[in-house]
Amino acid sequence: MTQTQQEVLTQVKQYGNGLLAHCYIVYKWIWAEFENVPPEEVRNKLKELKFRWNPRRKAWQNACGLKVGANRKIDPRLKYGVVKIQEQEEVKL
C-alpha cells in the first residue's frame, strides 16, 4: 500500500524527536536531510516510514506513492523548489 504525502507527514509528526525539522517537500515527495549521520533509532524510523537513502542527493526520500523514474541530470530541488513543512502548513490555514 502506498502512502500519501499527508499520511507520511502525520507519521513523521507522531514520531516527534525533532524529525519534522529535518523534513521538507520537493514536488510531491518528502525529503529529510541531516548535517551529520542521524542516530540509528532515527534511521530505523525513517526506514519504517518508507524513506530511502539517496547517496547522490545526500537525503532520505519518501516518494509518497509516486512512481517516477530517476533523472540523474536535474536535481529535483532545483527543478521543483523546496518547501519547508511549516511554510506548507501555513498556506493551508
N, C-alpha and C. Protein backbone atom coordinates (compact mmCIF):
# COMPACT_ATOMS: atom_id res chain seq x y z
N MET A 1 0.84 -1.19 0.00
CA MET A 1 0.00 0.00 0.00
C MET A 1 0.88 1.25 0.00
N THR A 2 0.58 2.16 -0.87
CA THR A 2 1.36 3.39 -0.94
C THR A 2 0.78 4.42 0.03
N GLN A 3 1.63 5.34 0.43
CA GLN A 3 1.22 6.38 1.37
C GLN A 3 1.11 7.71 0.65
N THR A 4 0.16 8.52 1.08
CA THR A 4 0.06 9.86 0.54
C THR A 4 1.01 10.77 1.32
N GLN A 5 1.25 11.92 0.76
CA GLN A 5 2.12 12.89 1.41
C GLN A 5 1.60 13.23 2.81
N GLN A 6 0.30 13.43 2.93
CA GLN A 6 -0.28 13.79 4.22
C GLN A 6 -0.11 12.66 5.24
N GLU A 7 -0.26 11.42 4.81
CA GLU A 7 -0.08 10.28 5.73
C GLU A 7 1.36 10.21 6.23
N VAL A 8 2.31 10.43 5.33
CA VAL A 8 3.72 10.40 5.73
C VAL A 8 4.01 11.52 6.71
N LEU A 9 3.52 12.72 6.42
CA LEU A 9 3.73 13.86 7.33
C LEU A 9 3.12 13.59 8.71
N THR A 10 1.96 13.00 8.74
CA THR A 10 1.32 12.67 10.01
C THR A 10 2.18 11.71 10.82
N GLN A 11 2.72 10.70 10.17
CA GLN A 11 3.57 9.73 10.86
C GLN A 11 4.87 10.37 11.35
N VAL A 12 5.43 11.26 10.56
CA VAL A 12 6.65 11.96 10.98
C VAL A 12 6.36 12.80 12.22
N LYS A 13 5.23 13.51 12.21
CA LYS A 13 4.84 14.34 13.36
C LYS A 13 4.61 13.48 14.60
N GLN A 14 3.95 12.35 14.43
CA GLN A 14 3.66 11.47 15.56
C GLN A 14 4.94 10.94 16.18
N TYR A 15 5.93 10.68 15.36
CA TYR A 15 7.21 10.18 15.88
C TYR A 15 7.89 11.22 16.75
N GLY A 16 7.77 12.48 16.36
CA GLY A 16 8.40 13.55 17.13
C GLY A 16 9.91 13.50 17.03
N ASN A 17 10.58 13.66 18.16
CA ASN A 17 12.04 13.55 18.23
C ASN A 17 12.76 14.54 17.31
N GLY A 18 12.08 15.63 16.91
CA GLY A 18 12.70 16.64 16.06
C GLY A 18 12.83 16.26 14.60
N LEU A 19 12.25 15.13 14.21
CA LEU A 19 12.38 14.66 12.83
C LEU A 19 11.76 15.64 11.83
N LEU A 20 10.63 16.21 12.18
CA LEU A 20 9.93 17.12 11.26
C LEU A 20 10.81 18.31 10.86
N ALA A 21 11.65 18.78 11.76
CA ALA A 21 12.52 19.93 11.46
C ALA A 21 13.52 19.61 10.35
N HIS A 22 13.77 18.34 10.09
CA HIS A 22 14.71 17.94 9.05
C HIS A 22 14.03 17.64 7.72
N CYS A 23 12.71 17.71 7.71
CA CYS A 23 11.95 17.33 6.51
C CYS A 23 11.50 18.55 5.71
N TYR A 24 11.38 18.34 4.42
CA TYR A 24 10.84 19.36 3.53
C TYR A 24 10.22 18.68 2.32
N ILE A 25 9.50 19.45 1.53
CA ILE A 25 8.79 18.90 0.38
C ILE A 25 9.48 19.34 -0.91
N VAL A 26 9.68 18.38 -1.77
CA VAL A 26 10.18 18.61 -3.13
C VAL A 26 9.15 17.99 -4.06
N TYR A 27 8.44 18.82 -4.80
CA TYR A 27 7.35 18.37 -5.66
C TYR A 27 6.32 17.67 -4.80
N LYS A 28 6.10 16.37 -4.97
CA LYS A 28 5.14 15.64 -4.15
C LYS A 28 5.82 14.66 -3.22
N TRP A 29 7.14 14.77 -3.11
CA TRP A 29 7.92 13.88 -2.26
C TRP A 29 8.26 14.58 -0.95
N ILE A 30 8.61 13.78 0.04
CA ILE A 30 9.12 14.32 1.29
C ILE A 30 10.57 13.87 1.44
N TRP A 31 11.43 14.82 1.67
CA TRP A 31 12.86 14.55 1.86
C TRP A 31 13.25 14.93 3.27
N ALA A 32 14.28 14.28 3.79
CA ALA A 32 14.83 14.62 5.10
C ALA A 32 16.35 14.70 4.96
N GLU A 33 16.92 15.77 5.49
CA GLU A 33 18.38 15.96 5.45
C GLU A 33 18.88 16.25 6.85
N PHE A 34 20.10 15.78 7.10
CA PHE A 34 20.75 15.96 8.39
C PHE A 34 22.17 16.44 8.15
N GLU A 35 22.68 17.29 9.04
CA GLU A 35 24.07 17.74 8.91
C GLU A 35 25.03 16.58 9.15
N ASN A 36 24.69 15.71 10.09
CA ASN A 36 25.50 14.55 10.41
C ASN A 36 24.64 13.30 10.27
N VAL A 37 25.25 12.16 10.31
CA VAL A 37 24.50 10.91 10.26
C VAL A 37 23.55 10.86 11.46
N PRO A 38 22.25 10.68 11.20
CA PRO A 38 21.31 10.64 12.33
C PRO A 38 21.53 9.37 13.17
N PRO A 39 21.10 9.41 14.42
CA PRO A 39 21.24 8.22 15.27
C PRO A 39 20.53 7.01 14.64
N GLU A 40 20.96 5.83 15.03
CA GLU A 40 20.39 4.60 14.47
C GLU A 40 18.88 4.54 14.67
N GLU A 41 18.40 4.99 15.81
CA GLU A 41 16.96 4.98 16.09
C GLU A 41 16.20 5.80 15.04
N VAL A 42 16.74 6.96 14.68
CA VAL A 42 16.10 7.83 13.68
C VAL A 42 16.18 7.18 12.30
N ARG A 43 17.33 6.62 11.96
CA ARG A 43 17.47 5.94 10.66
C ARG A 43 16.48 4.78 10.55
N ASN A 44 16.33 4.03 11.62
CA ASN A 44 15.39 2.91 11.60
C ASN A 44 13.95 3.39 11.44
N LYS A 45 13.63 4.52 12.07
CA LYS A 45 12.28 5.08 11.94
C LYS A 45 12.05 5.56 10.51
N LEU A 46 13.06 6.21 9.92
CA LEU A 46 12.94 6.64 8.53
C LEU A 46 12.67 5.44 7.62
N LYS A 47 13.38 4.36 7.83
CA LYS A 47 13.17 3.15 7.03
C LYS A 47 11.76 2.59 7.25
N GLU A 48 11.32 2.60 8.49
CA GLU A 48 9.97 2.12 8.80
C GLU A 48 8.92 2.96 8.09
N LEU A 49 9.19 4.26 7.95
CA LEU A 49 8.26 5.18 7.28
C LEU A 49 8.44 5.17 5.76
N LYS A 50 9.22 4.22 5.26
CA LYS A 50 9.44 4.01 3.82
C LYS A 50 10.31 5.09 3.16
N PHE A 51 11.15 5.77 3.96
CA PHE A 51 12.14 6.67 3.40
C PHE A 51 13.30 5.81 2.92
N ARG A 52 13.94 6.23 1.85
CA ARG A 52 15.11 5.55 1.33
C ARG A 52 16.26 6.53 1.22
N TRP A 53 17.46 6.08 1.56
CA TRP A 53 18.65 6.92 1.47
C TRP A 53 19.05 7.06 0.01
N ASN A 54 19.26 8.30 -0.44
CA ASN A 54 19.74 8.57 -1.79
C ASN A 54 21.15 9.15 -1.66
N PRO A 55 22.18 8.33 -1.93
CA PRO A 55 23.55 8.80 -1.74
C PRO A 55 23.93 9.93 -2.70
N ARG A 56 23.33 9.97 -3.86
CA ARG A 56 23.63 11.03 -4.83
C ARG A 56 23.14 12.38 -4.33
N ARG A 57 21.93 12.41 -3.77
CA ARG A 57 21.34 13.66 -3.28
C ARG A 57 21.66 13.93 -1.81
N LYS A 58 22.24 12.93 -1.14
CA LYS A 58 22.58 13.05 0.28
C LYS A 58 21.35 13.39 1.12
N ALA A 59 20.26 12.67 0.83
CA ALA A 59 19.00 12.92 1.54
C ALA A 59 18.20 11.62 1.65
N TRP A 60 17.40 11.55 2.70
CA TRP A 60 16.42 10.48 2.84
C TRP A 60 15.19 10.94 2.07
N GLN A 61 14.59 10.04 1.29
CA GLN A 61 13.47 10.43 0.44
C GLN A 61 12.31 9.45 0.57
N ASN A 62 11.11 10.00 0.57
CA ASN A 62 9.89 9.20 0.53
C ASN A 62 9.10 9.69 -0.68
N ALA A 63 8.86 8.81 -1.63
CA ALA A 63 8.18 9.19 -2.87
C ALA A 63 6.67 9.35 -2.68
N CYS A 64 6.15 9.03 -1.52
CA CYS A 64 4.72 9.20 -1.22
C CYS A 64 3.82 8.53 -2.26
N GLY A 65 4.24 7.37 -2.71
CA GLY A 65 3.43 6.59 -3.64
C GLY A 65 3.61 6.91 -5.11
N LEU A 66 4.37 7.93 -5.44
CA LEU A 66 4.59 8.26 -6.85
C LEU A 66 5.58 7.30 -7.48
N LYS A 67 5.30 6.89 -8.69
CA LYS A 67 6.21 6.04 -9.44
C LYS A 67 6.86 6.91 -10.52
N VAL A 68 8.06 7.36 -10.23
CA VAL A 68 8.77 8.25 -11.14
C VAL A 68 10.16 7.69 -11.38
N GLY A 69 10.58 7.67 -12.64
CA GLY A 69 11.93 7.20 -12.95
C GLY A 69 12.98 8.21 -12.50
N ALA A 70 14.17 7.72 -12.28
CA ALA A 70 15.27 8.58 -11.84
C ALA A 70 15.72 9.49 -12.97
N ASN A 71 16.00 10.74 -12.62
CA ASN A 71 16.56 11.69 -13.57
C ASN A 71 17.87 12.17 -12.98
N ARG A 72 18.93 11.67 -13.49
CA ARG A 72 20.24 11.99 -12.94
C ARG A 72 20.77 13.35 -13.41
N LYS A 73 20.14 13.93 -14.42
CA LYS A 73 20.63 15.18 -14.99
C LYS A 73 20.20 16.41 -14.19
N ILE A 74 19.00 16.36 -13.64
CA ILE A 74 18.45 17.54 -12.96
C ILE A 74 18.15 17.20 -11.51
N ASP A 75 18.64 18.04 -10.61
CA ASP A 75 18.32 17.88 -9.20
C ASP A 75 16.87 18.36 -9.00
N PRO A 76 15.98 17.50 -8.50
CA PRO A 76 14.59 17.91 -8.32
C PRO A 76 14.42 19.14 -7.44
N ARG A 77 15.35 19.37 -6.52
CA ARG A 77 15.26 20.56 -5.67
C ARG A 77 15.36 21.83 -6.52
N LEU A 78 16.16 21.77 -7.58
CA LEU A 78 16.30 22.93 -8.46
C LEU A 78 15.11 23.04 -9.42
N LYS A 79 14.62 21.91 -9.88
CA LYS A 79 13.51 21.90 -10.84
C LYS A 79 12.19 22.31 -10.19
N TYR A 80 11.88 21.74 -9.01
CA TYR A 80 10.58 21.96 -8.37
C TYR A 80 10.62 22.93 -7.19
N GLY A 81 11.79 23.16 -6.65
CA GLY A 81 11.90 24.01 -5.48
C GLY A 81 11.70 23.21 -4.20
N VAL A 82 11.97 23.86 -3.10
CA VAL A 82 11.88 23.24 -1.77
C VAL A 82 10.89 24.03 -0.94
N VAL A 83 9.98 23.31 -0.29
CA VAL A 83 9.00 23.95 0.59
C VAL A 83 9.19 23.37 1.98
N LYS A 84 9.48 24.23 2.93
CA LYS A 84 9.61 23.77 4.30
C LYS A 84 8.22 23.36 4.79
N ILE A 85 8.17 22.37 5.63
CA ILE A 85 6.90 21.83 6.10
C ILE A 85 6.06 22.92 6.78
N GLN A 86 6.66 23.73 7.62
CA GLN A 86 5.92 24.77 8.32
C GLN A 86 5.30 25.75 7.33
N GLU A 87 6.04 26.10 6.27
CA GLU A 87 5.51 27.02 5.26
C GLU A 87 4.29 26.43 4.58
N GLN A 88 4.36 25.14 4.26
CA GLN A 88 3.26 24.48 3.58
C GLN A 88 2.02 24.46 4.47
N GLU A 89 2.21 24.20 5.76
CA GLU A 89 1.07 24.15 6.68
C GLU A 89 0.45 25.52 6.85
N GLU A 90 1.25 26.59 6.84
CA GLU A 90 0.71 27.94 6.97
C GLU A 90 -0.16 28.29 5.77
N VAL A 91 0.22 27.83 4.59
CA VAL A 91 -0.56 28.11 3.38
C VAL A 91 -1.92 27.47 3.47
N LYS A 92 -2.03 26.30 4.09
CA LYS A 92 -3.31 25.59 4.19
C LYS A 92 -4.30 26.28 5.12
N LEU A 93 -3.82 27.10 6.06
CA LEU A 93 -4.72 27.72 7.03
C LEU A 93 -5.63 28.75 6.44
